Amino acid sequence: MRRIAFLLRLKPRTGPDYDRDHAAVWPEMLALLKRAGISEYSIFRRDELLVLSMRMEDDFNTVWDRIEADPVNARWQQAMSAYFLPVQETRDGERFPFMQEVFYLP
């Protein structure tokens, strides 16, 4: 299993609504994430900064390609699009600003 973490930013003052929507993630979206190979998915929030962490069976791009190809994800992304600022901190070849794991205690 691979462990991945990356950052996203919310628009100002959208955190409580984002939290509310993530307290009730659609069952079909949860099923898609699992079917695509993601497990132990967590989102941490401090004000507008999000840290997303997950475990996955394959490399990130393979898993994310599976997710992006599904119409459930298209609907979820449309519903969530009001919350996010544009991603600006990526490096060449990144979809999101990934974090490097420097320590892990299993």
PDB file of N, CA and C in Angstrom:
ATOM      1  N   MET A   1       0.829  -1.194   0.000  1.00  0.00           N
ATOM      2  CA  MET A   1       0.000   0.000   0.000  1.00  0.00           C
ATOM      3  C   MET A   1       0.867   1.249   0.000  1.00  0.00           C
ATOM      4  N   ARG A   2       0.486   2.190  -0.785  1.00  0.00           N
ATOM      5  CA  ARG A   2       1.181   3.485  -0.832  1.00  0.00           C
ATOM      6  C   ARG A   2       0.428   4.479   0.055  1.00  0.00           C
ATOM      7  N   ARG A   3       1.172   5.373   0.674  1.00  0.00           N
ATOM      8  CA  ARG A   3       0.581   6.432   1.481  1.00  0.00           C
ATOM      9  C   ARG A   3       0.835   7.748   0.763  1.00  0.00           C
ATOM     10  N   ILE A   4      -0.215   8.522   0.581  1.00  0.00           N
ATOM     11  CA  ILE A   4      -0.149   9.775  -0.165  1.00  0.00           C
ATOM     12  C   ILE A   4      -0.738  10.888   0.702  1.00  0.00           C
ATOM     13  N   ALA A   5      -0.156  12.078   0.612  1.00  0.00           N
ATOM     14  CA  ALA A   5      -0.736  13.256   1.266  1.00  0.00           C
ATOM     15  C   ALA A   5      -0.529  14.456   0.352  1.00  0.00           C
ATOM     16  N   PHE A   6      -1.537  15.320   0.309  1.00  0.00           N
ATOM     17  CA  PHE A   6      -1.404  16.543  -0.482  1.00  0.00           C
ATOM     18  C   PHE A   6      -2.249  17.643   0.143  1.00  0.00           C
ATOM     19  N   LEU A   7      -2.056  18.854  -0.360  1.00  0.00           N
ATOM     20  CA  LEU A   7      -2.695  20.048   0.187  1.00  0.00           C
ATOM     21  C   LEU A   7      -3.727  20.614  -0.778  1.00  0.00           C
ATOM     22  N   LEU A   8      -4.791  21.171  -0.224  1.00  0.00           N
ATOM     23  CA  LEU A   8      -5.746  21.965  -0.980  1.00  0.00           C
ATOM     24  C   LEU A   8      -6.140  23.164  -0.114  1.00  0.00           C
ATOM     25  N   ARG A   9      -6.670  24.188  -0.745  1.00  0.00           N
ATOM     26  CA  ARG A   9      -7.118  25.374  -0.015  1.00  0.00           C
ATOM     27  C   ARG A   9      -8.577  25.671  -0.336  1.00  0.00           C
ATOM     28  N   LEU A  10      -9.305  25.983   0.722  1.00  0.00           N
ATOM     29  CA  LEU A  10     -10.700  26.374   0.578  1.00  0.00           C
ATOM     30  C   LEU A  10     -10.807  27.880   0.397  1.00  0.00           C
ATOM     31  N   LYS A  11     -11.877  28.295  -0.220  1.00  0.00           N
ATOM     32  CA  LYS A  11     -12.184  29.722  -0.284  1.00  0.00           C
ATOM     33  C   LYS A  11     -12.485  30.210   1.131  1.00  0.00           C
ATOM     34  N   PRO A  12     -12.206  31.475   1.402  1.00  0.00           N
ATOM     35  CA  PRO A  12     -12.455  32.005   2.748  1.00  0.00           C
ATOM     36  C   PRO A  12     -13.904  31.780   3.198  1.00  0.00           C
ATOM     37  N   ARG A  13     -14.044  31.439   4.453  1.00  0.00           N
ATOM     38  CA  ARG A  13     -15.328  31.275   5.149  1.00  0.00           C
ATOM     39  C   ARG A  13     -16.188  30.123   4.624  1.00  0.00           C
ATOM     40  N   THR A  14     -15.602  29.172   3.899  1.00  0.00           N
ATOM     41  CA  THR A  14     -16.385  28.022   3.416  1.00  0.00           C
ATOM     42  C   THR A  14     -16.161  26.771   4.259  1.00  0.00           C
ATOM     43  N   GLY A  15     -15.261  26.832   5.221  1.00  0.00           N
ATOM     44  CA  GLY A  15     -14.907  25.661   6.018  1.00  0.00           C
ATOM     45  C   GLY A  15     -16.078  24.963   6.690  1.00  0.00           C
ATOM     46  N   PRO A  16     -16.950  25.679   7.399  1.00  0.00           N
ATOM     47  CA  PRO A  16     -18.065  24.989   8.055  1.00  0.00           C
ATOM     48  C   PRO A  16     -18.985  24.254   7.066  1.00  0.00           C
ATOM     49  N   ASP A  17     -19.250  24.848   5.923  1.00  0.00           N
ATOM     50  CA  ASP A  17     -20.087  24.170   4.924  1.00  0.00           C
ATOM     51  C   ASP A  17     -19.366  22.964   4.332  1.00  0.00           C
ATOM     52  N   TYR A  18     -18.066  23.106   4.113  1.00  0.00           N
ATOM     53  CA  TYR A  18     -17.263  21.979   3.614  1.00  0.00           C
ATOM     54  C   TYR A  18     -17.302  20.830   4.624  1.00  0.00           C
ATOM     55  N   ASP A  19     -17.139  21.157   5.893  1.00  0.00           N
ATOM     56  CA  ASP A  19     -17.212  20.134   6.947  1.00  0.00           C
ATOM     57  C   ASP A  19     -18.571  19.440   6.941  1.00  0.00           C
ATOM     58  N   ARG A  20     -19.626  20.220   6.827  1.00  0.00           N
ATOM     59  CA  ARG A  20     -20.975  19.661   6.819  1.00  0.00           C
ATOM     60  C   ARG A  20     -21.154  18.682   5.656  1.00  0.00           C
ATOM     61  N   ASP A  21     -20.711  19.074   4.472  1.00  0.00           N
ATOM     62  CA  ASP A  21     -20.853  18.192   3.305  1.00  0.00           C
ATOM     63  C   ASP A  21     -20.021  16.924   3.451  1.00  0.00           C
ATOM     64  N   HIS A  22     -18.884  17.018   4.117  1.00  0.00           N
ATOM     65  CA  HIS A  22     -18.040  15.835   4.287  1.00  0.00           C
ATOM     66  C   HIS A  22     -18.464  14.961   5.463  1.00  0.00           C
ATOM     67  N   ALA A  23     -19.377  15.443   6.253  1.00  0.00           N
ATOM     68  CA  ALA A  23     -19.972  14.589   7.293  1.00  0.00           C
ATOM     69  C   ALA A  23     -21.014  13.654   6.684  1.00  0.00           C
ATOM     70  N   ALA A  24     -21.371  13.925   5.425  1.00  0.00           N
ATOM     71  CA  ALA A  24     -22.385  13.115   4.735  1.00  0.00           C
ATOM     72  C   ALA A  24     -21.973  12.862   3.286  1.00  0.00           C
ATOM     73  N   VAL A  25     -20.760  12.342   3.094  1.00  0.00           N
ATOM     74  CA  VAL A  25     -20.299  12.025   1.734  1.00  0.00           C
ATOM     75  C   VAL A  25     -21.231  10.986   1.137  1.00  0.00           C
ATOM     76  N   TRP A  26     -21.578  11.176  -0.125  1.00  0.00           N
ATOM     77  CA  TRP A  26     -22.501  10.262  -0.793  1.00  0.00           C
ATOM     78  C   TRP A  26     -21.988   8.827  -0.732  1.00  0.00           C
ATOM     79  N   PRO A  27     -22.841   7.881  -0.436  1.00  0.00           N
ATOM     80  CA  PRO A  27     -22.426   6.467  -0.412  1.00  0.00           C
ATOM     81  C   PRO A  27     -21.822   6.007  -1.739  1.00  0.00           C
ATOM     82  N   GLU A  28     -22.352   6.496  -2.865  1.00  0.00           N
ATOM     83  CA  GLU A  28     -21.798   6.089  -4.163  1.00  0.00           C
ATOM     84  C   GLU A  28     -20.401   6.665  -4.398  1.00  0.00           C
ATOM     85  N   MET A  29     -20.099   7.826  -3.782  1.00  0.00           N
ATOM     86  CA  MET A  29     -18.744   8.376  -3.883  1.00  0.00           C
ATOM     87  C   MET A  29     -17.787   7.566  -3.019  1.00  0.00           C
ATOM     88  N   LEU A  30     -18.219   7.199  -1.828  1.00  0.00           N
ATOM     89  CA  LEU A  30     -17.388   6.353  -0.960  1.00  0.00           C
ATOM     90  C   LEU A  30     -17.103   5.012  -1.637  1.00  0.00           C
ATOM     91  N   ALA A  31     -18.108   4.433  -2.274  1.00  0.00           N
ATOM     92  CA  ALA A  31     -17.921   3.164  -2.978  1.00  0.00           C
ATOM     93  C   ALA A  31     -16.942   3.320  -4.132  1.00  0.00           C
ATOM     94  N   LEU A  32     -17.027   4.423  -4.851  1.00  0.00           N
ATOM     95  CA  LEU A  32     -16.093   4.674  -5.957  1.00  0.00           C
ATOM     96  C   LEU A  32     -14.659   4.759  -5.451  1.00  0.00           C
ATOM     97  N   LEU A  33     -14.435   5.490  -4.362  1.00  0.00           N
ATOM     98  CA  LEU A  33     -13.085   5.614  -3.810  1.00  0.00           C
ATOM     99  C   LEU A  33     -12.511   4.240  -3.473  1.00  0.00           C
ATOM    100  N   LYS A  34     -13.311   3.417  -2.830  1.00  0.00           N
ATOM    101  CA  LYS A  34     -12.853   2.070  -2.467  1.00  0.00           C
ATOM    102  C   LYS A  34     -12.608   1.213  -3.708  1.00  0.00           C
ATOM    103  N   ARG A  35     -13.536   1.287  -4.659  1.00  0.00           N
ATOM    104  CA  ARG A  35     -13.399   0.512  -5.895  1.00  0.00           C
ATOM    105  C   ARG A  35     -12.145   0.922  -6.677  1.00  0.00           C
ATOM    106  N   ALA A  36     -11.798   2.189  -6.611  1.00  0.00           N
ATOM    107  CA  ALA A  36     -10.622   2.698  -7.317  1.00  0.00           C
ATOM    108  C   ALA A  36      -9.323   2.285  -6.640  1.00  0.00           C
ATOM    109  N   GLY A  37      -9.407   1.820  -5.375  1.00  0.00           N
ATOM    110  CA  GLY A  37      -8.215   1.356  -4.676  1.00  0.00           C
ATOM    111  C   GLY A  37      -7.762   2.224  -3.525  1.00  0.00           C
ATOM    112  N   ILE A  38      -8.614   3.143  -3.055  1.00  0.00           N
ATOM    113  CA  ILE A  38      -8.262   4.017  -1.931  1.00  0.00           C
ATOM    114  C   ILE A  38      -8.828   3.442  -0.636  1.00  0.00           C
ATOM    115  N   SER A  39      -8.014   3.528   0.415  1.00  0.00           N
ATOM    116  CA  SER A  39      -8.476   3.160   1.750  1.00  0.00           C
ATOM    117  C   SER A  39      -7.880   4.155   2.746  1.00  0.00           C
ATOM    118  N   GLU A  40      -8.428   4.147   3.945  1.00  0.00           N
ATOM    119  CA  GLU A  40      -7.934   5.022   5.020  1.00  0.00           C
ATOM    120  C   GLU A  40      -7.753   6.465   4.559  1.00  0.00           C
ATOM    121  N   TYR A  41      -8.782   7.022   4.002  1.00  0.00           N
ATOM    122  CA  TYR A  41      -8.773   8.385   3.462  1.00  0.00           C
ATOM    123  C   TYR A  41      -9.169   9.349   4.577  1.00  0.00           C
ATOM    124  N   SER A  42      -8.326  10.344   4.849  1.00  0.00           N
ATOM    125  CA  SER A  42      -8.609  11.359   5.863  1.00  0.00           C
ATOM    126  C   SER A  42      -8.412  12.744   5.274  1.00  0.00           C
ATOM    127  N   ILE A  43      -9.223  13.668   5.739  1.00  0.00           N
ATOM    128  CA  ILE A  43      -9.037  15.077   5.401  1.00  0.00           C
ATOM    129  C   ILE A  43      -8.956  15.835   6.719  1.00  0.00           C
ATOM    130  N   PHE A  44      -7.889  16.603   6.879  1.00  0.00           N
ATOM    131  CA  PHE A  44      -7.708  17.441   8.055  1.00  0.00           C
ATOM    132  C   PHE A  44      -7.830  18.893   7.599  1.00  0.00           C
ATOM    133  N   ARG A  45      -8.458  19.724   8.438  1.00  0.00           N
ATOM    134  CA  ARG A  45      -8.640  21.132   8.072  1.00  0.00           C
ATOM    135  C   ARG A  45      -8.167  22.039   9.197  1.00  0.00           C
ATOM    136  N   ARG A  46      -7.447  23.075   8.830  1.00  0.00           N
ATOM    137  CA  ARG A  46      -7.100  24.186   9.721  1.00  0.00           C
ATOM    138  C   ARG A  46      -7.458  25.449   8.965  1.00  0.00           C
ATOM    139  N   ASP A  47      -8.521  26.102   9.386  1.00  0.00           N
ATOM    140  CA  ASP A  47      -9.052  27.252   8.666  1.00  0.00           C
ATOM    141  C   ASP A  47      -9.337  26.839   7.213  1.00  0.00           C
ATOM    142  N   GLU A  48      -8.648  27.441   6.248  1.00  0.00           N
ATOM    143  CA  GLU A  48      -8.901  27.092   4.846  1.00  0.00           C
ATOM    144  C   GLU A  48      -7.895  26.096   4.272  1.00  0.00           C
ATOM    145  N   LEU A  49      -6.929  25.674   5.056  1.00  0.00           N
ATOM    146  CA  LEU A  49      -5.926  24.714   4.582  1.00  0.00           C
ATOM    147  C   LEU A  49      -6.406  23.290   4.840  1.00  0.00           C
ATOM    148  N   LEU A  50      -6.377  22.464   3.800  1.00  0.00           N
ATOM    149  CA  LEU A  50      -6.735  21.052   3.917  1.00  0.00           C
ATOM    150  C   LEU A  50      -5.501  20.200   3.679  1.00  0.00           C
ATOM    151  N   VAL A  51      -5.339  19.156   4.477  1.00  0.00           N
ATOM    152  CA  VAL A  51      -4.338  18.125   4.253  1.00  0.00           C
ATOM    153  C   VAL A  51      -5.120  16.833   4.015  1.00  0.00           C
ATOM    154  N   LEU A  52      -4.950  16.247   2.853  1.00  0.00           N
ATOM    155  CA  LEU A  52      -5.626  15.010   2.497  1.00  0.00           C
ATOM    156  C   LEU A  52      -4.616  13.888   2.548  1.00  0.00           C
ATOM    157  N   SER A  53      -4.972  12.804   3.203  1.00  0.00           N
ATOM    158  CA  SER A  53      -4.080  11.669   3.377  1.00  0.00           C
ATOM    159  C   SER A  53      -4.844  10.397   3.070  1.00  0.00           C
ATOM    160  N   MET A  54      -4.191   9.481   2.351  1.00  0.00           N
ATOM    161  CA  MET A  54      -4.867   8.232   1.989  1.00  0.00           C
ATOM    162  C   MET A  54      -3.860   7.136   1.708  1.00  0.00           C
ATOM    163  N   ARG A  55      -4.364   5.927   1.730  1.00  0.00           N
ATOM    164  CA  ARG A  55      -3.593   4.749   1.316  1.00  0.00           C
ATOM    165  C   ARG A  55      -4.218   4.240   0.033  1.00  0.00           C
ATOM    166  N   MET A  56      -3.381   3.738  -0.866  1.00  0.00           N
ATOM    167  CA  MET A  56      -3.900   3.234  -2.129  1.00  0.00           C
ATOM    168  C   MET A  56      -3.094   2.056  -2.631  1.00  0.00           C
ATOM    169  N   GLU A  57      -3.754   1.237  -3.433  1.00  0.00           N
ATOM    170  CA  GLU A  57      -3.146   0.014  -3.946  1.00  0.00           C
ATOM    171  C   GLU A  57      -2.130   0.283  -5.050  1.00  0.00           C
ATOM    172  N   ASP A  58      -2.412   1.228  -5.930  1.00  0.00           N
ATOM    173  CA  ASP A  58      -1.552   1.533  -7.076  1.00  0.00           C
ATOM    174  C   ASP A  58      -0.963   2.919  -6.925  1.00  0.00           C
ATOM    175  N   ASP A  59      -0.224   3.350  -7.949  1.00  0.00           N
ATOM    176  CA  ASP A  59       0.312   4.706  -7.908  1.00  0.00           C
ATOM    177  C   ASP A  59      -0.846   5.709  -8.029  1.00  0.00           C
ATOM    178  N   PHE A  60      -0.614   6.912  -7.574  1.00  0.00           N
ATOM    179  CA  PHE A  60      -1.655   7.918  -7.479  1.00  0.00           C
ATOM    180  C   PHE A  60      -2.333   8.179  -8.819  1.00  0.00           C
ATOM    181  N   ASN A  61      -1.560   8.365  -9.889  1.00  0.00           N
ATOM    182  CA  ASN A  61      -2.157   8.701 -11.181  1.00  0.00           C
ATOM    183  C   ASN A  61      -3.070   7.596 -11.696  1.00  0.00           C
ATOM    184  N   THR A  62      -2.709   6.347 -11.496  1.00  0.00           N
ATOM    185  CA  THR A  62      -3.558   5.236 -11.920  1.00  0.00           C
ATOM    186  C   THR A  62      -4.878   5.264 -11.165  1.00  0.00           C
ATOM    187  N   VAL A  63      -4.802   5.431  -9.857  1.00  0.00           N
ATOM    188  CA  VAL A  63      -6.010   5.472  -9.026  1.00  0.00           C
ATOM    189  C   VAL A  63      -6.862   6.685  -9.395  1.00  0.00           C
ATOM    190  N   TRP A  64      -6.236   7.841  -9.547  1.00  0.00           N
ATOM    191  CA  TRP A  64      -7.004   9.054  -9.831  1.00  0.00           C
ATOM    192  C   TRP A  64      -7.635   8.995 -11.220  1.00  0.00           C
ATOM    193  N   ASP A  65      -6.971   8.352 -12.175  1.00  0.00           N
ATOM    194  CA  ASP A  65      -7.579   8.167 -13.505  1.00  0.00           C
ATOM    195  C   ASP A  65      -8.873   7.364 -13.402  1.00  0.00           C
ATOM    196  N   ARG A  66      -8.882   6.329 -12.561  1.00  0.00           N
ATOM    197  CA  ARG A  66     -10.104   5.543 -12.348  1.00  0.00           C
ATOM    198  C   ARG A  66     -11.224   6.412 -11.780  1.00  0.00           C
ATOM    199  N   ILE A  67     -10.874   7.243 -10.820  1.00  0.00           N
ATOM    200  CA  ILE A  67     -11.869   8.101 -10.180  1.00  0.00           C
ATOM    201  C   ILE A  67     -12.407   9.133 -11.167  1.00  0.00           C
ATOM    202  N   GLU A  68     -11.510   9.786 -11.889  1.00  0.00           N
ATOM    203  CA  GLU A  68     -11.924  10.837 -12.816  1.00  0.00           C
ATOM    204  C   GLU A  68     -12.800  10.319 -13.946  1.00  0.00           C
ATOM    205  N   ALA A  69     -12.672   9.050 -14.281  1.00  0.00           N
ATOM    206  CA  ALA A  69     -13.453   8.476 -15.385  1.00  0.00           C
ATOM    207  C   ALA A  69     -14.896   8.166 -14.995  1.00  0.00           C
ATOM    208  N   ASP A  70     -15.227   8.250 -13.730  1.00  0.00           N
ATOM    209  CA  ASP A  70     -16.554   7.849 -13.258  1.00  0.00           C
ATOM    210  C   ASP A  70     -17.495   9.053 -13.156  1.00  0.00           C
ATOM    211  N   PRO A  71     -18.726   8.933 -13.659  1.00  0.00           N
ATOM    212  CA  PRO A  71     -19.679  10.042 -13.589  1.00  0.00           C
ATOM    213  C   PRO A  71     -20.050  10.459 -12.160  1.00  0.00           C
ATOM    214  N   VAL A  72     -19.962   9.546 -11.210  1.00  0.00           N
ATOM    215  CA  VAL A  72     -20.222   9.909  -9.806  1.00  0.00           C
ATOM    216  C   VAL A  72     -19.224  10.967  -9.367  1.00  0.00           C
ATOM    217  N   ASN A  73     -17.962  10.795  -9.731  1.00  0.00           N
ATOM    218  CA  ASN A  73     -16.943  11.773  -9.375  1.00  0.00           C
ATOM    219  C   ASN A  73     -17.219  13.121 -10.038  1.00  0.00           C
ATOM    220  N   ALA A  74     -17.653  13.114 -11.281  1.00  0.00           N
ATOM    221  CA  ALA A  74     -17.954  14.377 -11.969  1.00  0.00           C
ATOM    222  C   ALA A  74     -19.028  15.147 -11.203  1.00  0.00           C
ATOM    223  N   ARG A  75     -20.068  14.448 -10.745  1.00  0.00           N
ATOM    224  CA  ARG A  75     -21.124  15.108  -9.973  1.00  0.00           C
ATOM    225  C   ARG A  75     -20.597  15.607  -8.629  1.00  0.00           C
ATOM    226  N   TRP A  76     -19.764  14.789  -7.961  1.00  0.00           N
ATOM    227  CA  TRP A  76     -19.199  15.195  -6.662  1.00  0.00           C
ATOM    228  C   TRP A  76     -18.298  16.417  -6.832  1.00  0.00           C
ATOM    229  N   GLN A  77     -17.441  16.398  -7.838  1.00  0.00           N
ATOM    230  CA  GLN A  77     -16.539  17.535  -8.067  1.00  0.00           C
ATOM    231  C   GLN A  77     -17.328  18.804  -8.368  1.00  0.00           C
ATOM    232  N   GLN A  78     -18.411  18.676  -9.114  1.00  0.00           N
ATOM    233  CA  GLN A  78     -19.266  19.833  -9.388  1.00  0.00           C
ATOM    234  C   GLN A  78     -19.851  20.369  -8.083  1.00  0.00           C
ATOM    235  N   ALA A  79     -20.322  19.488  -7.225  1.00  0.00           N
ATOM    236  CA  ALA A  79     -20.898  19.904  -5.950  1.00  0.00           C
ATOM    237  C   ALA A  79     -19.858  20.553  -5.037  1.00  0.00           C
ATOM    238  N   MET A  80     -18.613  20.100  -5.101  1.00  0.00           N
ATOM    239  CA  MET A  80     -17.553  20.607  -4.228  1.00  0.00           C
ATOM    240  C   MET A  80     -16.817  21.814  -4.814  1.00  0.00           C
ATOM    241  N   SER A  81     -17.000  22.091  -6.088  1.00  0.00           N
ATOM    242  CA  SER A  81     -16.212  23.126  -6.764  1.00  0.00           C
ATOM    243  C   SER A  81     -16.385  24.514  -6.148  1.00  0.00           C
ATOM    244  N   ALA A  82     -17.499  24.774  -5.520  1.00  0.00           N
ATOM    245  CA  ALA A  82     -17.714  26.083  -4.904  1.00  0.00           C
ATOM    246  C   ALA A  82     -16.782  26.342  -3.729  1.00  0.00           C
ATOM    247  N   TYR A  83     -16.168  25.309  -3.183  1.00  0.00           N
ATOM    248  CA  TYR A  83     -15.343  25.455  -1.988  1.00  0.00           C
ATOM    249  C   TYR A  83     -13.873  25.752  -2.256  1.00  0.00           C
ATOM    250  N   PHE A  84     -13.360  25.355  -3.396  1.00  0.00           N
ATOM    251  CA  PHE A  84     -11.912  25.341  -3.580  1.00  0.00           C
ATOM    252  C   PHE A  84     -11.359  26.547  -4.313  1.00  0.00           C
ATOM    253  N   LEU A  85     -10.197  26.987  -3.847  1.00  0.00           N
ATOM    254  CA  LEU A  85      -9.391  27.941  -4.601  1.00  0.00           C
ATOM    255  C   LEU A  85      -8.633  27.159  -5.667  1.00  0.00           C
ATOM    256  N   PRO A  86      -8.237  27.806  -6.749  1.00  0.00           N
ATOM    257  CA  PRO A  86      -7.439  27.092  -7.759  1.00  0.00           C
ATOM    258  C   PRO A  86      -6.131  26.570  -7.158  1.00  0.00           C
ATOM    259  N   VAL A  87      -5.735  25.383  -7.578  1.00  0.00           N
ATOM    260  CA  VAL A  87      -4.484  24.787  -7.105  1.00  0.00           C
ATOM    261  C   VAL A  87      -3.331  25.491  -7.807  1.00  0.00           C
ATOM    262  N   GLN A  88      -2.437  26.100  -7.018  1.00  0.00           N
ATOM    263  CA  GLN A  88      -1.343  26.861  -7.606  1.00  0.00           C
ATOM    264  C   GLN A  88       0.037  26.379  -7.168  1.00  0.00           C
ATOM    265  N   GLU A  89       0.095  25.486  -6.203  1.00  0.00           N
ATOM    266  CA  GLU A  89       1.385  25.115  -5.631  1.00  0.00           C
ATOM    267  C   GLU A  89       1.947  23.816  -6.192  1.00  0.00           C
ATOM    268  N   THR A  90       1.496  23.378  -7.367  1.00  0.00           N
ATOM    269  CA  THR A  90       1.973  22.104  -7.899  1.00  0.00           C
ATOM    270  C   THR A  90       3.333  22.261  -8.548  1.00  0.00           C
ATOM    271  N   ARG A  91       4.026  21.148  -8.622  1.00  0.00           N
ATOM    272  CA  ARG A  91       5.298  21.059  -9.339  1.00  0.00           C
ATOM    273  C   ARG A  91       5.052  20.315 -10.642  1.00  0.00           C
ATOM    274  N   ASP A  92       6.029  20.305 -11.522  1.00  0.00           N
ATOM    275  CA  ASP A  92       5.865  19.639 -12.816  1.00  0.00           C
ATOM    276  C   ASP A  92       5.369  18.209 -12.635  1.00  0.00           C
ATOM    277  N   GLY A  93       4.310  17.869 -13.366  1.00  0.00           N
ATOM    278  CA  GLY A  93       3.776  16.519 -13.345  1.00  0.00           C
ATOM    279  C   GLY A  93       2.831  16.204 -12.203  1.00  0.00           C
ATOM    280  N   GLU A  94       2.583  17.155 -11.310  1.00  0.00           N
ATOM    281  CA  GLU A  94       1.685  16.918 -10.177  1.00  0.00           C
ATOM    282  C   GLU A  94       0.266  17.381 -10.499  1.00  0.00           C
ATOM    283  N   ARG A  95      -0.707  16.606 -10.035  1.00  0.00           N
ATOM    284  CA  ARG A  95      -2.109  17.035 -10.111  1.00  0.00           C
ATOM    285  C   ARG A  95      -2.458  17.901  -8.904  1.00  0.00           C
ATOM    286  N   PHE A  96      -1.821  17.616  -7.790  1.00  0.00           N
ATOM    287  CA  PHE A  96      -2.043  18.323  -6.532  1.00  0.00           C
ATOM    288  C   PHE A  96      -0.674  18.586  -5.900  1.00  0.00           C
ATOM    289  N   PRO A  97      -0.584  19.525  -4.953  1.00  0.00           N
ATOM    290  CA  PRO A  97       0.681  19.754  -4.263  1.00  0.00           C
ATOM    291  C   PRO A  97       0.943  18.642  -3.231  1.00  0.00           C
ATOM    292  N   PHE A  98       1.702  17.639  -3.660  1.00  0.00           N
ATOM    293  CA  PHE A  98       1.985  16.487  -2.806  1.00  0.00           C
ATOM    294  C   PHE A  98       2.974  16.840  -1.713  1.00  0.00           C
ATOM    295  N   MET A  99       2.843  16.133  -0.609  1.00  0.00           N
ATOM    296  CA  MET A  99       3.759  16.291   0.508  1.00  0.00           C
ATOM    297  C   MET A  99       4.674  15.072   0.550  1.00  0.00           C
ATOM    298  N   GLN A 100       5.904  15.294   0.934  1.00  0.00           N
ATOM    299  CA  GLN A 100       6.859  14.198   1.068  1.00  0.00           C
ATOM    300  C   GLN A 100       6.775  13.642   2.487  1.00  0.00           C
ATOM    301  N   GLU A 101       6.600  12.337   2.589  1.00  0.00           N
ATOM    302  CA  GLU A 101       6.583  11.708   3.907  1.00  0.00           C
ATOM    303  C   GLU A 101       8.014  11.623   4.429  1.00  0.00           C
ATOM    304  N   VAL A 102       8.252  12.176   5.605  1.00  0.00           N
ATOM    305  CA  VAL A 102       9.588  12.139   6.190  1.00  0.00           C
ATOM    306  C   VAL A 102       9.651  11.290   7.445  1.00  0.00           C
ATOM    307  N   PHE A 103       8.486  10.875   7.941  1.00  0.00           N
ATOM    308  CA  PHE A 103       8.460  10.009   9.120  1.00  0.00           C
ATOM    309  C   PHE A 103       7.134   9.285   9.141  1.00  0.00           C
ATOM    310  N   TYR A 104       7.178   8.021   9.569  1.00  0.00           N
ATOM    311  CA  TYR A 104       5.965   7.216   9.717  1.00  0.00           C
ATOM    312  C   TYR A 104       6.184   6.201  10.808  1.00  0.00           C
ATOM    313  N   LEU A 105       5.292   6.145  11.769  1.00  0.00           N
ATOM    314  CA  LEU A 105       5.334   5.141  12.835  1.00  0.00           C
ATOM    315  C   LEU A 105       4.154   4.212  12.620  1.00  0.00           C
ATOM    316  N   PRO A 106       4.382   3.017  12.095  1.00  0.00           N
ATOM    317  CA  PRO A 106       3.263   2.092  11.855  1.00  0.00           C
ATOM    318  C   PRO A 106       2.703   1.518  13.153  1.00  0.00           C
TER     319      PRO A 106
END
